Amino acid sequence: MRITSKGQVTVPSPIRQQLGWHEGTEVDFVVDGNAVRIVRVQGSETHGRALARKLKGRGGASGMSTDELMRLLRAED
């Protein structure tokens, strides 16, 4: 792994998946002797919360109530 000219490094995908990190996850660098640890910032938004935040308020565009929408989503084909 190399540091880019902008001082960036890429966290490999298997490590991000194992830790549950996604685009937008806030991390911090902690100097530990002659090594650096990358740790998730406490209170950082999870993927599920980020998705919920992005979708919040979009259900009203259909003109359906929450109950109607849930019945539609749970209906069997």
PDB file of N, CA and C in Angstrom:
ATOM      1  N   MET A   1       0.860  -1.164   0.000  1.00  0.00           N
ATOM      2  CA  MET A   1       0.000   0.000   0.000  1.00  0.00           C
ATOM      3  C   MET A   1       0.910   1.231   0.000  1.00  0.00           C
ATOM      4  N   ARG A   2       0.519   2.227  -0.766  1.00  0.00           N
ATOM      5  CA  ARG A   2       1.314   3.460  -0.858  1.00  0.00           C
ATOM      6  C   ARG A   2       0.453   4.671  -0.509  1.00  0.00           C
ATOM      7  N   ILE A   3       1.116   5.694  -0.062  1.00  0.00           N
ATOM      8  CA  ILE A   3       0.457   6.973   0.194  1.00  0.00           C
ATOM      9  C   ILE A   3       0.516   7.768  -1.102  1.00  0.00           C
ATOM     10  N   THR A   4      -0.625   8.343  -1.527  1.00  0.00           N
ATOM     11  CA  THR A   4      -0.668   9.125  -2.761  1.00  0.00           C
ATOM     12  C   THR A   4      -0.024  10.486  -2.550  1.00  0.00           C
ATOM     13  N   SER A   5       0.133  11.222  -3.651  1.00  0.00           N
ATOM     14  CA  SER A   5       0.712  12.570  -3.565  1.00  0.00           C
ATOM     15  C   SER A   5      -0.154  13.505  -2.723  1.00  0.00           C
ATOM     16  N   LYS A   6      -1.438  13.152  -2.551  1.00  0.00           N
ATOM     17  CA  LYS A   6      -2.347  13.953  -1.724  1.00  0.00           C
ATOM     18  C   LYS A   6      -2.376  13.457  -0.277  1.00  0.00           C
ATOM     19  N   GLY A   7      -1.521  12.467   0.042  1.00  0.00           N
ATOM     20  CA  GLY A   7      -1.473  11.941   1.406  1.00  0.00           C
ATOM     21  C   GLY A   7      -2.577  10.947   1.710  1.00  0.00           C
ATOM     22  N   GLN A   8      -3.191  10.367   0.686  1.00  0.00           N
ATOM     23  CA  GLN A   8      -4.310   9.453   0.882  1.00  0.00           C
ATOM     24  C   GLN A   8      -3.862   7.995   0.798  1.00  0.00           C
ATOM     25  N   VAL A   9      -4.590   7.140   1.516  1.00  0.00           N
ATOM     26  CA  VAL A   9      -4.418   5.693   1.408  1.00  0.00           C
ATOM     27  C   VAL A   9      -5.799   5.082   1.206  1.00  0.00           C
ATOM     28  N   THR A  10      -5.847   3.919   0.589  1.00  0.00           N
ATOM     29  CA  THR A  10      -7.110   3.226   0.362  1.00  0.00           C
ATOM     30  C   THR A  10      -7.224   2.066   1.338  1.00  0.00           C
ATOM     31  N   VAL A  11      -8.329   2.024   2.072  1.00  0.00           N
ATOM     32  CA  VAL A  11      -8.591   0.892   2.955  1.00  0.00           C
ATOM     33  C   VAL A  11      -9.168  -0.212   2.072  1.00  0.00           C
ATOM     34  N   PRO A  12      -8.528  -1.378   2.012  1.00  0.00           N
ATOM     35  CA  PRO A  12      -9.009  -2.453   1.142  1.00  0.00           C
ATOM     36  C   PRO A  12     -10.463  -2.833   1.430  1.00  0.00           C
ATOM     37  N   SER A  13     -11.189  -3.172   0.374  1.00  0.00           N
ATOM     38  CA  SER A  13     -12.608  -3.497   0.465  1.00  0.00           C
ATOM     39  C   SER A  13     -12.927  -4.581   1.501  1.00  0.00           C
ATOM     40  N   PRO A  14     -12.178  -5.694   1.553  1.00  0.00           N
ATOM     41  CA  PRO A  14     -12.511  -6.712   2.565  1.00  0.00           C
ATOM     42  C   PRO A  14     -12.433  -6.175   3.995  1.00  0.00           C
ATOM     43  N   ILE A  15     -11.505  -5.283   4.250  1.00  0.00           N
ATOM     44  CA  ILE A  15     -11.383  -4.694   5.592  1.00  0.00           C
ATOM     45  C   ILE A  15     -12.558  -3.765   5.859  1.00  0.00           C
ATOM     46  N   ARG A  16     -12.932  -2.928   4.865  1.00  0.00           N
ATOM     47  CA  ARG A  16     -14.086  -2.027   5.039  1.00  0.00           C
ATOM     48  C   ARG A  16     -15.349  -2.834   5.299  1.00  0.00           C
ATOM     49  N   GLN A  17     -15.534  -3.925   4.550  1.00  0.00           N
ATOM     50  CA  GLN A  17     -16.728  -4.757   4.734  1.00  0.00           C
ATOM     51  C   GLN A  17     -16.747  -5.397   6.116  1.00  0.00           C
ATOM     52  N   GLN A  18     -15.607  -5.916   6.548  1.00  0.00           N
ATOM     53  CA  GLN A  18     -15.518  -6.554   7.860  1.00  0.00           C
ATOM     54  C   GLN A  18     -15.851  -5.574   8.980  1.00  0.00           C
ATOM     55  N   LEU A  19     -15.446  -4.316   8.823  1.00  0.00           N
ATOM     56  CA  LEU A  19     -15.678  -3.304   9.851  1.00  0.00           C
ATOM     57  C   LEU A  19     -17.007  -2.574   9.686  1.00  0.00           C
ATOM     58  N   GLY A  20     -17.709  -2.831   8.577  1.00  0.00           N
ATOM     59  CA  GLY A  20     -18.975  -2.143   8.330  1.00  0.00           C
ATOM     60  C   GLY A  20     -18.792  -0.698   7.920  1.00  0.00           C
ATOM     61  N   TRP A  21     -17.624  -0.378   7.348  1.00  0.00           N
ATOM     62  CA  TRP A  21     -17.344   0.983   6.893  1.00  0.00           C
ATOM     63  C   TRP A  21     -17.833   1.143   5.464  1.00  0.00           C
ATOM     64  N   HIS A  22     -18.349   2.319   5.147  1.00  0.00           N
ATOM     65  CA  HIS A  22     -18.846   2.632   3.806  1.00  0.00           C
ATOM     66  C   HIS A  22     -18.458   4.061   3.477  1.00  0.00           C
ATOM     67  N   GLU A  23     -18.774   4.473   2.260  1.00  0.00           N
ATOM     68  CA  GLU A  23     -18.486   5.854   1.868  1.00  0.00           C
ATOM     69  C   GLU A  23     -19.144   6.801   2.864  1.00  0.00           C
ATOM     70  N   GLY A  24     -18.394   7.738   3.362  1.00  0.00           N
ATOM     71  CA  GLY A  24     -18.922   8.704   4.316  1.00  0.00           C
ATOM     72  C   GLY A  24     -18.652   8.356   5.777  1.00  0.00           C
ATOM     73  N   THR A  25     -18.179   7.135   6.043  1.00  0.00           N
ATOM     74  CA  THR A  25     -17.833   6.769   7.415  1.00  0.00           C
ATOM     75  C   THR A  25     -16.689   7.658   7.884  1.00  0.00           C
ATOM     76  N   GLU A  26     -16.849   8.262   9.035  1.00  0.00           N
ATOM     77  CA  GLU A  26     -15.803   9.138   9.566  1.00  0.00           C
ATOM     78  C   GLU A  26     -14.804   8.319  10.365  1.00  0.00           C
ATOM     79  N   VAL A  27     -13.525   8.513  10.056  1.00  0.00           N
ATOM     80  CA  VAL A  27     -12.456   7.814  10.762  1.00  0.00           C
ATOM     81  C   VAL A  27     -11.445   8.824  11.282  1.00  0.00           C
ATOM     82  N   ASP A  28     -10.643   8.380  12.209  1.00  0.00           N
ATOM     83  CA  ASP A  28      -9.588   9.213  12.770  1.00  0.00           C
ATOM     84  C   ASP A  28      -8.301   8.404  12.772  1.00  0.00           C
ATOM     85  N   PHE A  29      -7.174   9.089  12.697  1.00  0.00           N
ATOM     86  CA  PHE A  29      -5.871   8.445  12.728  1.00  0.00           C
ATOM     87  C   PHE A  29      -5.279   8.647  14.115  1.00  0.00           C
ATOM     88  N   VAL A  30      -4.878   7.544  14.740  1.00  0.00           N
ATOM     89  CA  VAL A  30      -4.313   7.585  16.083  1.00  0.00           C
ATOM     90  C   VAL A  30      -2.873   7.087  16.001  1.00  0.00           C
ATOM     91  N   VAL A  31      -1.925   7.936  16.408  1.00  0.00           N
ATOM     92  CA  VAL A  31      -0.515   7.542  16.420  1.00  0.00           C
ATOM     93  C   VAL A  31      -0.287   6.651  17.632  1.00  0.00           C
ATOM     94  N   ASP A  32       0.278   5.471  17.388  1.00  0.00           N
ATOM     95  CA  ASP A  32       0.513   4.477  18.435  1.00  0.00           C
ATOM     96  C   ASP A  32       1.970   4.030  18.331  1.00  0.00           C
ATOM     97  N   GLY A  33       2.867   4.755  19.004  1.00  0.00           N
ATOM     98  CA  GLY A  33       4.304   4.479  18.877  1.00  0.00           C
ATOM     99  C   GLY A  33       4.773   4.873  17.487  1.00  0.00           C
ATOM    100  N   ASN A  34       5.293   3.901  16.745  1.00  0.00           N
ATOM    101  CA  ASN A  34       5.720   4.195  15.374  1.00  0.00           C
ATOM    102  C   ASN A  34       4.712   3.669  14.353  1.00  0.00           C
ATOM    103  N   ALA A  35       3.484   3.410  14.797  1.00  0.00           N
ATOM    104  CA  ALA A  35       2.421   2.921  13.919  1.00  0.00           C
ATOM    105  C   ALA A  35       1.228   3.876  13.981  1.00  0.00           C
ATOM    106  N   VAL A  36       0.318   3.701  13.044  1.00  0.00           N
ATOM    107  CA  VAL A  36      -0.913   4.498  13.014  1.00  0.00           C
ATOM    108  C   VAL A  36      -2.097   3.542  12.999  1.00  0.00           C
ATOM    109  N   ARG A  37      -3.085   3.796  13.843  1.00  0.00           N
ATOM    110  CA  ARG A  37      -4.333   3.029  13.840  1.00  0.00           C
ATOM    111  C   ARG A  37      -5.418   3.913  13.241  1.00  0.00           C
ATOM    112  N   ILE A  38      -6.258   3.320  12.409  1.00  0.00           N
ATOM    113  CA  ILE A  38      -7.410   4.034  11.850  1.00  0.00           C
ATOM    114  C   ILE A  38      -8.627   3.551  12.628  1.00  0.00           C
ATOM    115  N   VAL A  39      -9.321   4.470  13.287  1.00  0.00           N
ATOM    116  CA  VAL A  39     -10.470   4.106  14.115  1.00  0.00           C
ATOM    117  C   VAL A  39     -11.700   4.889  13.675  1.00  0.00           C
ATOM    118  N   ARG A  40     -12.843   4.247  13.782  1.00  0.00           N
ATOM    119  CA  ARG A  40     -14.105   4.908  13.452  1.00  0.00           C
ATOM    120  C   ARG A  40     -14.395   5.971  14.507  1.00  0.00           C
ATOM    121  N   VAL A  41     -14.838   7.134  14.073  1.00  0.00           N
ATOM    122  CA  VAL A  41     -15.205   8.211  14.988  1.00  0.00           C
ATOM    123  C   VAL A  41     -16.476   7.795  15.725  1.00  0.00           C
ATOM    124  N   GLN A  42     -16.485   7.921  17.052  1.00  0.00           N
ATOM    125  CA  GLN A  42     -17.664   7.583  17.847  1.00  0.00           C
ATOM    126  C   GLN A  42     -18.840   8.440  17.398  1.00  0.00           C
ATOM    127  N   GLY A  43     -19.995   7.807  17.236  1.00  0.00           N
ATOM    128  CA  GLY A  43     -21.184   8.531  16.810  1.00  0.00           C
ATOM    129  C   GLY A  43     -21.267   8.699  15.307  1.00  0.00           C
ATOM    130  N   SER A  44     -20.320   8.122  14.571  1.00  0.00           N
ATOM    131  CA  SER A  44     -20.336   8.199  13.116  1.00  0.00           C
ATOM    132  C   SER A  44     -21.580   7.496  12.585  1.00  0.00           C
ATOM    133  N   GLU A  45     -22.173   8.029  11.558  1.00  0.00           N
ATOM    134  CA  GLU A  45     -23.408   7.511  10.996  1.00  0.00           C
ATOM    135  C   GLU A  45     -23.199   6.136  10.362  1.00  0.00           C
ATOM    136  N   THR A  46     -24.067   5.178  10.685  1.00  0.00           N
ATOM    137  CA  THR A  46     -23.989   3.850  10.088  1.00  0.00           C
ATOM    138  C   THR A  46     -24.609   3.884   8.697  1.00  0.00           C
ATOM    139  N   HIS A  47     -24.348   2.840   7.920  1.00  0.00           N
ATOM    140  CA  HIS A  47     -24.891   2.769   6.563  1.00  0.00           C
ATOM    141  C   HIS A  47     -26.423   2.802   6.592  1.00  0.00           C
ATOM    142  N   GLY A  48     -27.021   2.054   7.517  1.00  0.00           N
ATOM    143  CA  GLY A  48     -28.477   2.024   7.622  1.00  0.00           C
ATOM    144  C   GLY A  48     -29.063   3.386   7.963  1.00  0.00           C
ATOM    145  N   ARG A  49     -28.426   4.080   8.882  1.00  0.00           N
ATOM    146  CA  ARG A  49     -28.917   5.414   9.248  1.00  0.00           C
ATOM    147  C   ARG A  49     -28.739   6.401   8.098  1.00  0.00           C
ATOM    148  N   ALA A  50     -27.637   6.276   7.361  1.00  0.00           N
ATOM    149  CA  ALA A  50     -27.421   7.158   6.211  1.00  0.00           C
ATOM    150  C   ALA A  50     -28.501   6.920   5.164  1.00  0.00           C
ATOM    151  N   LEU A  51     -28.829   5.645   4.921  1.00  0.00           N
ATOM    152  CA  LEU A  51     -29.870   5.314   3.956  1.00  0.00           C
ATOM    153  C   LEU A  51     -31.222   5.846   4.419  1.00  0.00           C
ATOM    154  N   ALA A  52     -31.545   5.651   5.694  1.00  0.00           N
ATOM    155  CA  ALA A  52     -32.816   6.146   6.231  1.00  0.00           C
ATOM    156  C   ALA A  52     -32.906   7.661   6.116  1.00  0.00           C
ATOM    157  N   ARG A  53     -31.798   8.350   6.386  1.00  0.00           N
ATOM    158  CA  ARG A  53     -31.789   9.813   6.285  1.00  0.00           C
ATOM    159  C   ARG A  53     -32.048  10.249   4.847  1.00  0.00           C
ATOM    160  N   LYS A  54     -31.434   9.555   3.883  1.00  0.00           N
ATOM    161  CA  LYS A  54     -31.617   9.918   2.477  1.00  0.00           C
ATOM    162  C   LYS A  54     -33.042   9.674   2.004  1.00  0.00           C
ATOM    163  N   LEU A  55     -33.684   8.625   2.544  1.00  0.00           N
ATOM    164  CA  LEU A  55     -35.030   8.270   2.108  1.00  0.00           C
ATOM    165  C   LEU A  55     -36.127   8.982   2.885  1.00  0.00           C
ATOM    166  N   LYS A  56     -35.778   9.582   4.002  1.00  0.00           N
ATOM    167  CA  LYS A  56     -36.771  10.224   4.862  1.00  0.00           C
ATOM    168  C   LYS A  56     -37.566  11.270   4.085  1.00  0.00           C
ATOM    169  N   GLY A  57     -38.890  11.160   4.187  1.00  0.00           N
ATOM    170  CA  GLY A  57     -39.762  12.144   3.567  1.00  0.00           C
ATOM    171  C   GLY A  57     -40.075  11.886   2.103  1.00  0.00           C
ATOM    172  N   ARG A  58     -39.541  10.830   1.519  1.00  0.00           N
ATOM    173  CA  ARG A  58     -39.793  10.574   0.099  1.00  0.00           C
ATOM    174  C   ARG A  58     -41.048   9.757  -0.149  1.00  0.00           C
ATOM    175  N   GLY A  59     -41.601   9.131   0.881  1.00  0.00           N
ATOM    176  CA  GLY A  59     -42.773   8.289   0.707  1.00  0.00           C
ATOM    177  C   GLY A  59     -44.025   9.068   0.377  1.00  0.00           C
ATOM    178  N   GLY A  60     -44.092  10.327   0.752  1.00  0.00           N
ATOM    179  CA  GLY A  60     -45.281  11.128   0.527  1.00  0.00           C
ATOM    180  C   GLY A  60     -45.548  11.450  -0.927  1.00  0.00           C
ATOM    181  N   ALA A  61     -44.559  11.291  -1.783  1.00  0.00           N
ATOM    182  CA  ALA A  61     -44.722  11.622  -3.198  1.00  0.00           C
ATOM    183  C   ALA A  61     -45.763  10.737  -3.863  1.00  0.00           C
ATOM    184  N   SER A  62     -45.996   9.540  -3.317  1.00  0.00           N
ATOM    185  CA  SER A  62     -46.965   8.618  -3.910  1.00  0.00           C
ATOM    186  C   SER A  62     -48.388   8.988  -3.533  1.00  0.00           C
ATOM    187  N   GLY A  63     -48.552   9.832  -2.528  1.00  0.00           N
ATOM    188  CA  GLY A  63     -49.879  10.193  -2.060  1.00  0.00           C
ATOM    189  C   GLY A  63     -50.491   9.119  -1.173  1.00  0.00           C
ATOM    190  N   MET A  64     -49.711   8.097  -0.816  1.00  0.00           N
ATOM    191  CA  MET A  64     -50.213   6.996  -0.007  1.00  0.00           C
ATOM    192  C   MET A  64     -49.844   7.227   1.457  1.00  0.00           C
ATOM    193  N   SER A  65     -50.702   6.728   2.333  1.00  0.00           N
ATOM    194  CA  SER A  65     -50.374   6.780   3.756  1.00  0.00           C
ATOM    195  C   SER A  65     -49.332   5.701   4.050  1.00  0.00           C
ATOM    196  N   THR A  66     -48.719   5.788   5.203  1.00  0.00           N
ATOM    197  CA  THR A  66     -47.742   4.776   5.599  1.00  0.00           C
ATOM    198  C   THR A  66     -48.389   3.399   5.652  1.00  0.00           C
ATOM    199  N   ASP A  67     -49.605   3.320   6.204  1.00  0.00           N
ATOM    200  CA  ASP A  67     -50.300   2.030   6.294  1.00  0.00           C
ATOM    201  C   ASP A  67     -50.579   1.460   4.907  1.00  0.00           C
ATOM    202  N   GLU A  68     -51.016   2.304   3.977  1.00  0.00           N
ATOM    203  CA  GLU A  68     -51.283   1.839   2.614  1.00  0.00           C
ATOM    204  C   GLU A  68     -50.004   1.347   1.939  1.00  0.00           C
ATOM    205  N   LEU A  69     -48.943   2.082   2.123  1.00  0.00           N
ATOM    206  CA  LEU A  69     -47.662   1.708   1.535  1.00  0.00           C
ATOM    207  C   LEU A  69     -47.163   0.386   2.121  1.00  0.00           C
ATOM    208  N   MET A  70     -47.296   0.200   3.430  1.00  0.00           N
ATOM    209  CA  MET A  70     -46.863  -1.050   4.063  1.00  0.00           C
ATOM    210  C   MET A  70     -47.700  -2.229   3.576  1.00  0.00           C
ATOM    211  N   ARG A  71     -49.015  -2.041   3.409  1.00  0.00           N
ATOM    212  CA  ARG A  71     -49.863  -3.117   2.883  1.00  0.00           C
ATOM    213  C   ARG A  71     -49.417  -3.498   1.475  1.00  0.00           C
ATOM    214  N   LEU A  72     -49.111  -2.505   0.663  1.00  0.00           N
ATOM    215  CA  LEU A  72     -48.657  -2.756  -0.703  1.00  0.00           C
ATOM    216  C   LEU A  72     -47.329  -3.510  -0.703  1.00  0.00           C
ATOM    217  N   LEU A  73     -46.407  -3.095   0.141  1.00  0.00           N
ATOM    218  CA  LEU A  73     -45.094  -3.735   0.188  1.00  0.00           C
ATOM    219  C   LEU A  73     -45.157  -5.159   0.725  1.00  0.00           C
ATOM    220  N   ARG A  74     -46.097  -5.423   1.611  1.00  0.00           N
ATOM    221  CA  ARG A  74     -46.209  -6.759   2.216  1.00  0.00           C
ATOM    222  C   ARG A  74     -47.101  -7.699   1.415  1.00  0.00           C
ATOM    223  N   ALA A  75     -47.795  -7.187   0.412  1.00  0.00           N
ATOM    224  CA  ALA A  75     -48.704  -8.008  -0.391  1.00  0.00           C
ATOM    225  C   ALA A  75     -47.920  -9.076  -1.144  1.00  0.00           C
ATOM    226  N   GLU A  76     -48.520 -10.258  -1.219  1.00  0.00           N
ATOM    227  CA  GLU A  76     -47.893 -11.344  -1.965  1.00  0.00           C
ATOM    228  C   GLU A  76     -48.319 -11.254  -3.418  1.00  0.00           C
ATOM    229  N   ASP A  77     -47.413 -11.700  -4.298  1.00  0.00           N
ATOM    230  CA  ASP A  77     -47.710 -11.674  -5.742  1.00  0.00           C
ATOM    231  C   ASP A  77     -48.675 -12.758  -6.122  1.00  0.00           C
TER     232      ASP A  77
END
